[in-house]
Amino acid sequence: MAWSVQSVAVLSSLDDGASWTLVARDLTNTGSYEWTAPNVNTGRARLAVVLVEASDPSGYLVEGLLCTSGSFSISGTTGVGADGKMEFALRGVAPNPAQRALHVSFSLPDTRSARLGLYDVSGRRVVEREVGSLGPGLCRVTLDGPATLPAGVYVIRLTQGGRSLATRVAITR
């Protein structure tokens, strides 16, 4: 069956799907959506994406394909310590998978030298930026290197003061 996607909607649940909240609707199907997790503590969060084929004029009654995630945990705000100071944290990469630029979110506790790097699976550094000068707090940096890289799995590594955090990202063509 061929689907004619009119738009995409995103829903969230904090009770393992017993109830759902509409997060966004009438989105263009770009293949990615940046969702901000609410500041709650739950081990029963889920997300759903609806590929909307048709809808009534209100937009709340739809025909389409629903895909849901498995349950996952949200542990309130990350990157902030009990004393209110920012902590060293690698928050995520969007979009993932990516074709061009990567947007990397992280937080730093201070202005000490820090580096954000993109590495191939053999450990070779392909892109690196000094980010300590951005100062303490939440930061978001765009890495443009993926536009010229071959498809594959890469590692994003944030390093500061002898500590290192890493996450994976896929590059597609």
C-alpha atoms as a PDB file:
ATOM      1  CA  MET A   1       0.000   0.000   0.000  1.00  0.00           C
ATOM      2  CA  ALA A   2       1.409   3.406  -0.965  1.00  0.00           C
ATOM      3  CA  TRP A   3       0.988   6.171   1.598  1.00  0.00           C
ATOM      4  CA  SER A   4       0.423   9.776   0.603  1.00  0.00           C
ATOM      5  CA  VAL A   5       1.644  11.652   3.669  1.00  0.00           C
ATOM      6  CA  GLN A   6      -0.193  14.959   4.102  1.00  0.00           C
ATOM      7  CA  SER A   7       1.643  15.901   7.301  1.00  0.00           C
ATOM      8  CA  VAL A   8       3.194  14.481  10.457  1.00  0.00           C
ATOM      9  CA  ALA A   9       2.053  14.783  14.075  1.00  0.00           C
ATOM     10  CA  VAL A  10       4.036  14.034  17.253  1.00  0.00           C
ATOM     11  CA  LEU A  11       2.455  12.897  20.531  1.00  0.00           C
ATOM     12  CA  SER A  12       3.896  12.173  23.965  1.00  0.00           C
ATOM     13  CA  SER A  13       2.797  10.069  26.905  1.00  0.00           C
ATOM     14  CA  LEU A  14       4.136  10.086  30.457  1.00  0.00           C
ATOM     15  CA  ASP A  15       2.067   7.070  31.571  1.00  0.00           C
ATOM     16  CA  ASP A  16       3.125   4.322  29.128  1.00  0.00           C
ATOM     17  CA  GLY A  17       0.468   5.235  26.559  1.00  0.00           C
ATOM     18  CA  ALA A  18      -2.585   5.371  28.842  1.00  0.00           C
ATOM     19  CA  SER A  19      -3.015   9.009  27.789  1.00  0.00           C
ATOM     20  CA  TRP A  20      -1.406  11.061  25.029  1.00  0.00           C
ATOM     21  CA  THR A  21      -0.666  14.760  24.555  1.00  0.00           C
ATOM     22  CA  LEU A  22      -0.388  16.354  21.122  1.00  0.00           C
ATOM     23  CA  VAL A  23       3.105  17.902  20.931  1.00  0.00           C
ATOM     24  CA  ALA A  24       3.033  19.173  17.332  1.00  0.00           C
ATOM     25  CA  ARG A  25       0.863  18.752  14.262  1.00  0.00           C
ATOM     26  CA  ASP A  26       0.839  19.765  10.607  1.00  0.00           C
ATOM     27  CA  LEU A  27       4.597  19.190  10.375  1.00  0.00           C
ATOM     28  CA  THR A  28       6.303  18.680   7.038  1.00  0.00           C
ATOM     29  CA  ASN A  29       7.741  15.164   6.825  1.00  0.00           C
ATOM     30  CA  THR A  30      11.476  16.019   6.951  1.00  0.00           C
ATOM     31  CA  GLY A  31      12.518  12.822   8.718  1.00  0.00           C
ATOM     32  CA  SER A  32      13.501  14.553  11.961  1.00  0.00           C
ATOM     33  CA  TYR A  33      11.911  16.568  14.771  1.00  0.00           C
ATOM     34  CA  GLU A  34      13.630  18.131  17.772  1.00  0.00           C
ATOM     35  CA  TRP A  35      11.540  17.324  20.857  1.00  0.00           C
ATOM     36  CA  THR A  36      12.278  18.868  24.240  1.00  0.00           C
ATOM     37  CA  ALA A  37      11.610  16.443  27.075  1.00  0.00           C
ATOM     38  CA  PRO A  38       9.478  17.909  29.865  1.00  0.00           C
ATOM     39  CA  ASN A  39      11.036  18.517  33.279  1.00  0.00           C
ATOM     40  CA  VAL A  40       9.438  15.465  34.944  1.00  0.00           C
ATOM     41  CA  ASN A  41      10.549  12.190  36.447  1.00  0.00           C
ATOM     42  CA  THR A  42       8.987   9.119  34.873  1.00  0.00           C
ATOM     43  CA  GLY A  43      10.050   5.677  33.791  1.00  0.00           C
ATOM     44  CA  ARG A  44       7.008   5.350  31.534  1.00  0.00           C
ATOM     45  CA  ALA A  45       7.497   7.973  28.809  1.00  0.00           C
ATOM     46  CA  ARG A  46       6.677   7.198  25.185  1.00  0.00           C
ATOM     47  CA  LEU A  47       6.588   9.114  21.907  1.00  0.00           C
ATOM     48  CA  ALA A  48       4.362   8.541  18.901  1.00  0.00           C
ATOM     49  CA  VAL A  49       4.583   9.758  15.328  1.00  0.00           C
ATOM     50  CA  VAL A  50       1.516   9.836  13.109  1.00  0.00           C
ATOM     51  CA  LEU A  51       1.952   9.961   9.348  1.00  0.00           C
ATOM     52  CA  VAL A  52      -1.297  11.767   8.491  1.00  0.00           C
ATOM     53  CA  GLU A  53      -2.897  10.668   5.246  1.00  0.00           C
ATOM     54  CA  ALA A  54      -6.154  12.616   5.714  1.00  0.00           C
ATOM     55  CA  SER A  55      -7.831  14.631   8.465  1.00  0.00           C
ATOM     56  CA  ASP A  56     -11.122  16.341   9.259  1.00  0.00           C
ATOM     57  CA  PRO A  57     -11.218  20.185   9.274  1.00  0.00           C
ATOM     58  CA  SER A  58     -10.337  20.310  13.001  1.00  0.00           C
ATOM     59  CA  GLY A  59      -7.162  18.294  12.391  1.00  0.00           C
ATOM     60  CA  TYR A  60      -7.817  16.105  15.450  1.00  0.00           C
ATOM     61  CA  LEU A  61      -9.516  13.180  13.677  1.00  0.00           C
ATOM     62  CA  VAL A  62      -6.996  11.663  11.314  1.00  0.00           C
ATOM     63  CA  GLU A  63      -6.378   8.659   9.112  1.00  0.00           C
ATOM     64  CA  GLY A  64      -2.808   7.513   8.953  1.00  0.00           C
ATOM     65  CA  LEU A  65      -0.051   5.331  10.258  1.00  0.00           C
ATOM     66  CA  LEU A  66       0.847   5.482  13.967  1.00  0.00           C
ATOM     67  CA  CYS A  67       4.303   4.462  15.190  1.00  0.00           C
ATOM     68  CA  THR A  68       5.111   4.429  18.910  1.00  0.00           C
ATOM     69  CA  SER A  69       8.356   4.154  20.807  1.00  0.00           C
ATOM     70  CA  GLY A  70       8.966   1.740  23.614  1.00  0.00           C
ATOM     71  CA  SER A  71       8.879   3.056  27.164  1.00  0.00           C
ATOM     72  CA  PHE A  72      11.827   5.184  28.277  1.00  0.00           C
ATOM     73  CA  SER A  73      12.811   7.222  31.326  1.00  0.00           C
ATOM     74  CA  ILE A  74      12.992  10.967  31.828  1.00  0.00           C
ATOM     75  CA  SER A  75      14.888  12.101  34.906  1.00  0.00           C
ATOM     76  CA  GLY A  76      14.054  15.796  35.085  1.00  0.00           C
ATOM     77  CA  THR A  77      16.590  18.418  34.123  1.00  0.00           C
ATOM     78  CA  THR A  78      20.040  17.138  33.209  1.00  0.00           C
ATOM     79  CA  GLY A  79      23.273  19.029  33.332  1.00  0.00           C
ATOM     80  CA  VAL A  80      22.421  20.997  36.484  1.00  0.00           C
ATOM     81  CA  GLY A  81      23.784  19.895  39.838  1.00  0.00           C
ATOM     82  CA  ALA A  82      22.011  20.059  43.180  1.00  0.00           C
ATOM     83  CA  ASP A  83      23.721  23.378  43.883  1.00  0.00           C
ATOM     84  CA  GLY A  84      22.306  24.898  40.656  1.00  0.00           C
ATOM     85  CA  LYS A  85      25.640  24.938  38.808  1.00  0.00           C
ATOM     86  CA  MET A  86      25.909  23.546  35.301  1.00  0.00           C
ATOM     87  CA  GLU A  87      27.567  20.163  34.959  1.00  0.00           C
ATOM     88  CA  PHE A  88      29.599  18.597  32.203  1.00  0.00           C
ATOM     89  CA  ALA A  89      26.998  16.902  29.976  1.00  0.00           C
ATOM     90  CA  LEU A  90      26.586  15.835  26.353  1.00  0.00           C
ATOM     91  CA  ARG A  91      22.879  16.324  25.691  1.00  0.00           C
ATOM     92  CA  GLY A  92      22.473  15.051  22.149  1.00  0.00           C
ATOM     93  CA  VAL A  93      22.927  15.365  18.401  1.00  0.00           C
ATOM     94  CA  ALA A  94      20.271  16.384  15.883  1.00  0.00           C
ATOM     95  CA  PRO A  95      19.395  15.318  13.343  1.00  0.00           C
ATOM     96  CA  ASN A  96      20.445  11.724  13.744  1.00  0.00           C
ATOM     97  CA  PRO A  97      20.866  10.303  11.145  1.00  0.00           C
ATOM     98  CA  ALA A  98      22.242  13.392   9.368  1.00  0.00           C
ATOM     99  CA  GLN A  99      23.148  14.290   5.812  1.00  0.00           C
ATOM    100  CA  ARG A 100      24.725  17.724   6.206  1.00  0.00           C
ATOM    101  CA  ALA A 101      25.281  19.672   9.424  1.00  0.00           C
ATOM    102  CA  LEU A 102      25.043  18.271  12.945  1.00  0.00           C
ATOM    103  CA  HIS A 103      23.678  20.310  15.855  1.00  0.00           C
ATOM    104  CA  VAL A 104      25.339  19.176  19.096  1.00  0.00           C
ATOM    105  CA  SER A 105      23.889  20.230  22.479  1.00  0.00           C
ATOM    106  CA  PHE A 106      26.018  20.079  25.619  1.00  0.00           C
ATOM    107  CA  SER A 107      26.682  21.919  28.877  1.00  0.00           C
ATOM    108  CA  LEU A 108      29.939  22.981  30.480  1.00  0.00           C
ATOM    109  CA  PRO A 109      30.550  23.845  34.144  1.00  0.00           C
ATOM    110  CA  ASP A 110      33.152  26.566  33.463  1.00  0.00           C
ATOM    111  CA  THR A 111      35.356  28.274  30.845  1.00  0.00           C
ATOM    112  CA  ARG A 112      38.254  25.792  30.927  1.00  0.00           C
ATOM    113  CA  SER A 113      39.423  24.546  27.560  1.00  0.00           C
ATOM    114  CA  ALA A 114      36.955  22.035  26.064  1.00  0.00           C
ATOM    115  CA  ARG A 115      36.887  20.248  22.733  1.00  0.00           C
ATOM    116  CA  LEU A 116      34.057  18.845  20.657  1.00  0.00           C
ATOM    117  CA  GLY A 117      35.167  16.332  18.036  1.00  0.00           C
ATOM    118  CA  LEU A 118      33.706  14.076  15.372  1.00  0.00           C
ATOM    119  CA  TYR A 119      35.563  10.769  14.883  1.00  0.00           C
ATOM    120  CA  ASP A 120      35.201   7.942  12.394  1.00  0.00           C
ATOM    121  CA  VAL A 121      34.963   4.335  13.603  1.00  0.00           C
ATOM    122  CA  SER A 122      38.727   3.862  13.382  1.00  0.00           C
ATOM    123  CA  GLY A 123      39.184   6.720  15.876  1.00  0.00           C
ATOM    124  CA  ARG A 124      40.454   9.248  13.336  1.00  0.00           C
ATOM    125  CA  ARG A 125      39.384  12.817  14.168  1.00  0.00           C
ATOM    126  CA  VAL A 126      37.576  14.313  11.165  1.00  0.00           C
ATOM    127  CA  VAL A 127      36.235  17.561  12.718  1.00  0.00           C
ATOM    128  CA  GLU A 128      37.140  19.325  15.967  1.00  0.00           C
ATOM    129  CA  ARG A 129      36.214  22.619  17.621  1.00  0.00           C
ATOM    130  CA  GLU A 130      37.412  24.326  20.790  1.00  0.00           C
ATOM    131  CA  VAL A 131      34.230  25.118  22.756  1.00  0.00           C
ATOM    132  CA  GLY A 132      35.444  26.058  26.260  1.00  0.00           C
ATOM    133  CA  SER A 133      35.290  29.739  25.343  1.00  0.00           C
ATOM    134  CA  LEU A 134      31.495  29.419  25.074  1.00  0.00           C
ATOM    135  CA  GLY A 135      31.485  29.482  28.876  1.00  0.00           C
ATOM    136  CA  PRO A 136      29.421  27.672  31.472  1.00  0.00           C
ATOM    137  CA  GLY A 137      25.867  26.661  30.692  1.00  0.00           C
ATOM    138  CA  LEU A 138      23.921  25.087  27.880  1.00  0.00           C
ATOM    139  CA  CYS A 139      25.576  25.333  24.460  1.00  0.00           C
ATOM    140  CA  ARG A 140      24.605  24.298  20.941  1.00  0.00           C
ATOM    141  CA  VAL A 141      27.240  24.043  18.215  1.00  0.00           C
ATOM    142  CA  THR A 142      26.823  23.235  14.530  1.00  0.00           C
ATOM    143  CA  LEU A 143      29.403  20.947  12.937  1.00  0.00           C
ATOM    144  CA  ASP A 144      29.389  21.303   9.136  1.00  0.00           C
ATOM    145  CA  GLY A 145      31.841  18.471   8.383  1.00  0.00           C
ATOM    146  CA  PRO A 146      29.264  15.722   7.716  1.00  0.00           C
ATOM    147  CA  ALA A 147      28.369  17.183   4.305  1.00  0.00           C
ATOM    148  CA  THR A 148      31.693  15.915   2.922  1.00  0.00           C
ATOM    149  CA  LEU A 149      31.960  12.622   4.805  1.00  0.00           C
ATOM    150  CA  PRO A 150      31.078   9.162   3.528  1.00  0.00           C
ATOM    151  CA  ALA A 151      27.997   7.468   4.963  1.00  0.00           C
ATOM    152  CA  GLY A 152      28.623   5.553   8.178  1.00  0.00           C
ATOM    153  CA  VAL A 153      28.582   5.659  11.960  1.00  0.00           C
ATOM    154  CA  TYR A 154      30.654   8.332  13.685  1.00  0.00           C
ATOM    155  CA  VAL A 155      31.356   9.294  17.313  1.00  0.00           C
ATOM    156  CA  ILE A 156      30.841  12.760  18.799  1.00  0.00           C
ATOM    157  CA  ARG A 157      33.178  13.315  21.775  1.00  0.00           C
ATOM    158  CA  LEU A 158      33.101  16.194  24.271  1.00  0.00           C
ATOM    159  CA  THR A 159      36.270  16.540  26.376  1.00  0.00           C
ATOM    160  CA  GLN A 160      37.094  18.929  29.236  1.00  0.00           C
ATOM    161  CA  GLY A 161      39.506  18.701  32.174  1.00  0.00           C
ATOM    162  CA  GLY A 162      40.420  15.039  31.638  1.00  0.00           C
ATOM    163  CA  ARG A 163      36.763  13.978  31.338  1.00  0.00           C
ATOM    164  CA  SER A 164      35.161  12.771  28.133  1.00  0.00           C
ATOM    165  CA  LEU A 165      31.609  11.968  27.019  1.00  0.00           C
ATOM    166  CA  ALA A 166      30.656  10.362  23.707  1.00  0.00           C
ATOM    167  CA  THR A 167      27.616   9.532  21.614  1.00  0.00           C
ATOM    168  CA  ARG A 168      27.121   8.018  18.166  1.00  0.00           C
ATOM    169  CA  VAL A 169      25.679   9.631  15.060  1.00  0.00           C
ATOM    170  CA  ALA A 170      24.899   8.159  11.645  1.00  0.00           C
ATOM    171  CA  ILE A 171      25.737   9.987   8.423  1.00  0.00           C
ATOM    172  CA  THR A 172      23.571   9.059   5.425  1.00  0.00           C
ATOM    173  CA  ARG A 173      23.599  10.043   1.771  1.00  0.00           C
END
